[in-house]
């Protein structure tokens, strides 16, 4: 699957890259036939946010976004949302 990562308001630190690898593995597991995934990692004054857009065969698209007061909570929430998505399929 092709991927693209965008960082806004922050740099690609070792910690963020490690968290992103875990998230990418979860997306691969949840949608093994996906064609493309775009990840956005953003740090704003009020919150830390993580978003993912996944393009599936046939043109269907998933869009998920989560935020929290820190990276741990933001990544935990996006992973929970992906778990719910997998359960609904």
N, C-alpha and C. Protein backbone atom coordinates (compact mmCIF):
# COMPACT_ATOMS: atom_id res chain seq x y z
N UNK A 1 0.85 -1.17 0.00
CA UNK A 1 0.00 0.00 0.00
C UNK A 1 0.90 1.24 0.00
N UNK A 2 0.52 2.21 -0.77
CA UNK A 2 1.23 3.49 -0.77
C UNK A 2 0.78 4.27 0.46
N UNK A 3 1.72 5.02 1.05
CA UNK A 3 1.39 5.84 2.20
C UNK A 3 2.00 7.23 2.07
N UNK A 4 1.40 8.15 2.78
CA UNK A 4 1.92 9.51 2.85
C UNK A 4 1.72 9.99 4.28
N UNK A 5 2.71 10.66 4.83
CA UNK A 5 2.64 11.19 6.19
C UNK A 5 2.90 12.68 6.15
N UNK A 6 2.06 13.44 6.83
CA UNK A 6 2.23 14.88 6.93
C UNK A 6 2.29 15.26 8.41
N UNK A 7 3.28 16.04 8.76
CA UNK A 7 3.40 16.57 10.12
C UNK A 7 3.09 18.05 10.07
N UNK A 8 2.23 18.49 10.97
CA UNK A 8 1.87 19.91 11.06
C UNK A 8 2.12 20.39 12.48
N UNK A 9 2.89 21.44 12.62
CA UNK A 9 3.15 22.01 13.94
C UNK A 9 4.08 21.19 14.80
N UNK A 10 4.67 20.16 14.23
CA UNK A 10 5.62 19.31 14.95
C UNK A 10 6.57 18.67 13.96
N UNK A 11 7.63 18.11 14.47
CA UNK A 11 8.59 17.41 13.62
C UNK A 11 8.46 15.91 13.83
N UNK A 12 9.00 15.15 12.92
CA UNK A 12 8.98 13.69 12.99
C UNK A 12 10.02 13.22 13.99
N UNK A 13 9.61 13.08 15.24
CA UNK A 13 10.51 12.59 16.28
C UNK A 13 10.53 11.06 16.28
N UNK A 14 11.49 10.50 16.97
CA UNK A 14 11.57 9.04 17.08
C UNK A 14 10.30 8.50 17.72
N UNK A 15 9.80 9.17 18.75
CA UNK A 15 8.58 8.73 19.43
C UNK A 15 7.38 8.76 18.49
N UNK A 16 7.22 9.85 17.76
CA UNK A 16 6.08 9.94 16.84
C UNK A 16 6.18 8.91 15.72
N UNK A 17 7.37 8.69 15.20
CA UNK A 17 7.54 7.70 14.15
C UNK A 17 7.22 6.30 14.65
N UNK A 18 7.60 5.98 15.90
CA UNK A 18 7.29 4.68 16.48
C UNK A 18 5.78 4.51 16.66
N UNK A 19 5.12 5.55 17.15
CA UNK A 19 3.65 5.49 17.31
C UNK A 19 2.97 5.35 15.96
N UNK A 20 3.49 6.04 14.97
CA UNK A 20 2.92 5.97 13.63
C UNK A 20 3.08 4.57 13.03
N UNK A 21 4.21 3.92 13.28
CA UNK A 21 4.41 2.55 12.78
C UNK A 21 3.37 1.60 13.36
N UNK A 22 3.06 1.76 14.64
CA UNK A 22 2.03 0.93 15.28
C UNK A 22 0.68 1.20 14.61
N UNK A 23 0.37 2.47 14.38
CA UNK A 23 -0.89 2.82 13.72
C UNK A 23 -0.94 2.27 12.30
N UNK A 24 0.15 2.37 11.57
CA UNK A 24 0.19 1.84 10.21
C UNK A 24 -0.02 0.33 10.20
N UNK A 25 0.54 -0.37 11.17
CA UNK A 25 0.33 -1.82 11.26
C UNK A 25 -1.14 -2.14 11.52
N UNK A 26 -1.79 -1.33 12.35
CA UNK A 26 -3.21 -1.54 12.64
C UNK A 26 -4.05 -1.29 11.39
N UNK A 27 -3.71 -0.27 10.61
CA UNK A 27 -4.43 -0.01 9.36
C UNK A 27 -4.21 -1.18 8.39
N UNK A 28 -2.98 -1.65 8.28
CA UNK A 28 -2.69 -2.80 7.40
C UNK A 28 -3.50 -4.02 7.82
N UNK A 29 -3.61 -4.24 9.12
CA UNK A 29 -4.36 -5.39 9.64
C UNK A 29 -5.86 -5.22 9.40
N UNK A 30 -6.36 -4.00 9.59
CA UNK A 30 -7.78 -3.73 9.45
C UNK A 30 -8.22 -3.71 7.99
N UNK A 31 -7.37 -3.21 7.12
CA UNK A 31 -7.71 -3.10 5.69
C UNK A 31 -6.55 -3.61 4.85
N UNK A 32 -6.35 -4.93 4.82
CA UNK A 32 -5.20 -5.47 4.09
C UNK A 32 -5.23 -5.21 2.58
N UNK A 33 -6.40 -4.93 2.04
CA UNK A 33 -6.52 -4.68 0.60
C UNK A 33 -6.54 -3.19 0.26
N UNK A 34 -6.25 -2.33 1.24
CA UNK A 34 -6.24 -0.88 0.99
C UNK A 34 -5.19 -0.52 -0.05
N UNK A 35 -5.50 0.52 -0.83
CA UNK A 35 -4.58 0.97 -1.88
C UNK A 35 -3.69 2.11 -1.42
N UNK A 36 -4.20 2.98 -0.54
CA UNK A 36 -3.47 4.19 -0.15
C UNK A 36 -3.90 4.60 1.25
N UNK A 37 -2.95 5.10 2.03
CA UNK A 37 -3.26 5.64 3.36
C UNK A 37 -2.50 6.94 3.56
N UNK A 38 -3.22 7.96 3.98
CA UNK A 38 -2.63 9.26 4.29
C UNK A 38 -2.77 9.49 5.78
N UNK A 39 -1.65 9.79 6.43
CA UNK A 39 -1.63 10.04 7.87
C UNK A 39 -1.28 11.49 8.11
N UNK A 40 -1.97 12.12 9.06
CA UNK A 40 -1.67 13.50 9.43
C UNK A 40 -1.46 13.53 10.94
N UNK A 41 -0.33 14.07 11.35
CA UNK A 41 0.01 14.21 12.76
C UNK A 41 0.17 15.70 13.00
N UNK A 42 -0.66 16.26 13.90
CA UNK A 42 -0.66 17.71 14.08
C UNK A 42 -0.64 18.08 15.56
N UNK A 43 0.23 19.02 15.87
CA UNK A 43 0.28 19.56 17.23
C UNK A 43 -0.19 21.01 17.17
N UNK A 44 -1.27 21.28 17.89
CA UNK A 44 -1.82 22.63 17.97
C UNK A 44 -1.72 23.10 19.42
N UNK A 45 -1.91 24.38 19.67
CA UNK A 45 -1.79 24.87 21.05
C UNK A 45 -2.73 24.16 22.04
N UNK A 46 -3.91 23.78 21.59
CA UNK A 46 -4.89 23.18 22.49
C UNK A 46 -4.92 21.66 22.49
N UNK A 47 -4.37 21.01 21.46
CA UNK A 47 -4.50 19.56 21.36
C UNK A 47 -3.47 18.95 20.42
N UNK A 48 -3.32 17.66 20.55
CA UNK A 48 -2.53 16.85 19.63
C UNK A 48 -3.53 16.03 18.83
N UNK A 49 -3.35 15.96 17.51
CA UNK A 49 -4.34 15.29 16.67
C UNK A 49 -3.66 14.32 15.70
N UNK A 50 -4.39 13.24 15.40
CA UNK A 50 -3.95 12.25 14.45
C UNK A 50 -5.12 11.95 13.53
N UNK A 51 -4.86 11.94 12.23
CA UNK A 51 -5.90 11.61 11.26
C UNK A 51 -5.39 10.60 10.27
N UNK A 52 -6.31 9.82 9.73
CA UNK A 52 -5.96 8.84 8.71
C UNK A 52 -7.09 8.78 7.68
N UNK A 53 -6.68 8.75 6.42
CA UNK A 53 -7.61 8.57 5.31
C UNK A 53 -7.11 7.35 4.54
N UNK A 54 -7.98 6.37 4.37
CA UNK A 54 -7.61 5.12 3.72
C UNK A 54 -8.50 4.92 2.50
N UNK A 55 -7.87 4.69 1.35
CA UNK A 55 -8.60 4.41 0.13
C UNK A 55 -8.62 2.91 -0.11
N UNK A 56 -9.81 2.36 -0.27
CA UNK A 56 -10.01 0.94 -0.47
C UNK A 56 -10.29 0.64 -1.94
N UNK A 57 -10.14 -0.62 -2.34
CA UNK A 57 -10.51 -0.97 -3.72
C UNK A 57 -11.98 -0.61 -3.96
N UNK A 58 -12.29 -0.23 -5.16
CA UNK A 58 -13.67 0.13 -5.49
C UNK A 58 -13.99 1.58 -5.17
N UNK A 59 -13.02 2.32 -4.61
CA UNK A 59 -13.23 3.74 -4.37
C UNK A 59 -13.77 4.11 -3.00
N UNK A 60 -14.10 3.13 -2.15
CA UNK A 60 -14.54 3.45 -0.80
C UNK A 60 -13.39 4.08 -0.03
N UNK A 61 -13.73 4.95 0.93
CA UNK A 61 -12.72 5.65 1.71
C UNK A 61 -13.10 5.65 3.18
N UNK A 62 -12.13 5.44 4.04
CA UNK A 62 -12.31 5.62 5.48
C UNK A 62 -11.64 6.91 5.88
N UNK A 63 -12.26 7.63 6.77
CA UNK A 63 -11.65 8.83 7.33
C UNK A 63 -11.84 8.75 8.85
N UNK A 64 -10.74 8.80 9.57
CA UNK A 64 -10.81 8.77 11.03
C UNK A 64 -9.88 9.84 11.58
N UNK A 65 -10.33 10.46 12.68
CA UNK A 65 -9.58 11.54 13.31
C UNK A 65 -9.73 11.42 14.82
N UNK A 66 -8.68 11.71 15.53
CA UNK A 66 -8.75 11.71 17.00
C UNK A 66 -7.80 12.77 17.53
N UNK A 67 -8.14 13.27 18.71
CA UNK A 67 -7.25 14.23 19.34
C UNK A 67 -7.27 14.03 20.84
N UNK A 68 -6.25 14.57 21.47
CA UNK A 68 -6.14 14.48 22.91
C UNK A 68 -5.18 15.53 23.42
N UNK A 69 -5.03 15.62 24.73
CA UNK A 69 -4.13 16.62 25.30
C UNK A 69 -2.65 16.27 25.12
N UNK A 70 -2.38 15.00 24.74
CA UNK A 70 -1.00 14.58 24.51
C UNK A 70 -1.00 13.50 23.42
N UNK A 71 0.20 13.11 22.97
CA UNK A 71 0.29 12.13 21.89
C UNK A 71 -0.25 10.77 22.30
N UNK A 72 0.01 10.37 23.53
CA UNK A 72 -0.45 9.05 23.98
C UNK A 72 -1.97 8.93 23.84
N UNK A 73 -2.69 9.91 24.30
CA UNK A 73 -4.16 9.86 24.23
C UNK A 73 -4.67 9.99 22.81
N UNK A 74 -4.03 10.82 22.01
CA UNK A 74 -4.47 10.96 20.62
C UNK A 74 -4.29 9.66 19.84
N UNK A 75 -3.14 9.01 19.98
CA UNK A 75 -2.91 7.76 19.27
C UNK A 75 -3.78 6.63 19.82
N UNK A 76 -3.99 6.61 21.13
CA UNK A 76 -4.87 5.60 21.72
C UNK A 76 -6.29 5.74 21.17
N UNK A 77 -6.76 6.95 21.06
CA UNK A 77 -8.12 7.17 20.55
C UNK A 77 -8.25 6.79 19.08
N UNK A 78 -7.27 7.12 18.25
CA UNK A 78 -7.37 6.74 16.83
C UNK A 78 -7.34 5.23 16.69
N UNK A 79 -6.55 4.54 17.52
CA UNK A 79 -6.52 3.09 17.49
C UNK A 79 -7.86 2.51 17.91
N UNK A 80 -8.49 3.08 18.91
CA UNK A 80 -9.84 2.64 19.33
C UNK A 80 -10.85 2.83 18.21
N UNK A 81 -10.75 3.94 17.52
CA UNK A 81 -11.69 4.18 16.41
C UNK A 81 -11.47 3.18 15.28
N UNK A 82 -10.24 2.81 15.03
CA UNK A 82 -9.97 1.78 14.02
C UNK A 82 -10.48 0.42 14.48
N UNK A 83 -10.37 0.14 15.78
CA UNK A 83 -10.92 -1.13 16.31
C UNK A 83 -12.43 -1.18 16.10
N UNK A 84 -13.11 -0.08 16.37
CA UNK A 84 -14.58 -0.04 16.16
C UNK A 84 -14.92 -0.20 14.68
N UNK A 85 -14.11 0.38 13.83
CA UNK A 85 -14.32 0.25 12.40
C UNK A 85 -14.20 -1.21 11.97
N UNK A 86 -13.19 -1.90 12.48
CA UNK A 86 -12.98 -3.32 12.14
C UNK A 86 -14.12 -4.17 12.65
N UNK A 87 -14.65 -3.85 13.82
CA UNK A 87 -15.77 -4.59 14.40
C UNK A 87 -17.05 -4.41 13.61
N UNK A 88 -17.20 -3.25 12.97
CA UNK A 88 -18.44 -2.97 12.22
C UNK A 88 -18.47 -3.64 10.85
N UNK A 89 -17.32 -4.10 10.36
CA UNK A 89 -17.27 -4.74 9.03
C UNK A 89 -17.80 -6.15 9.09
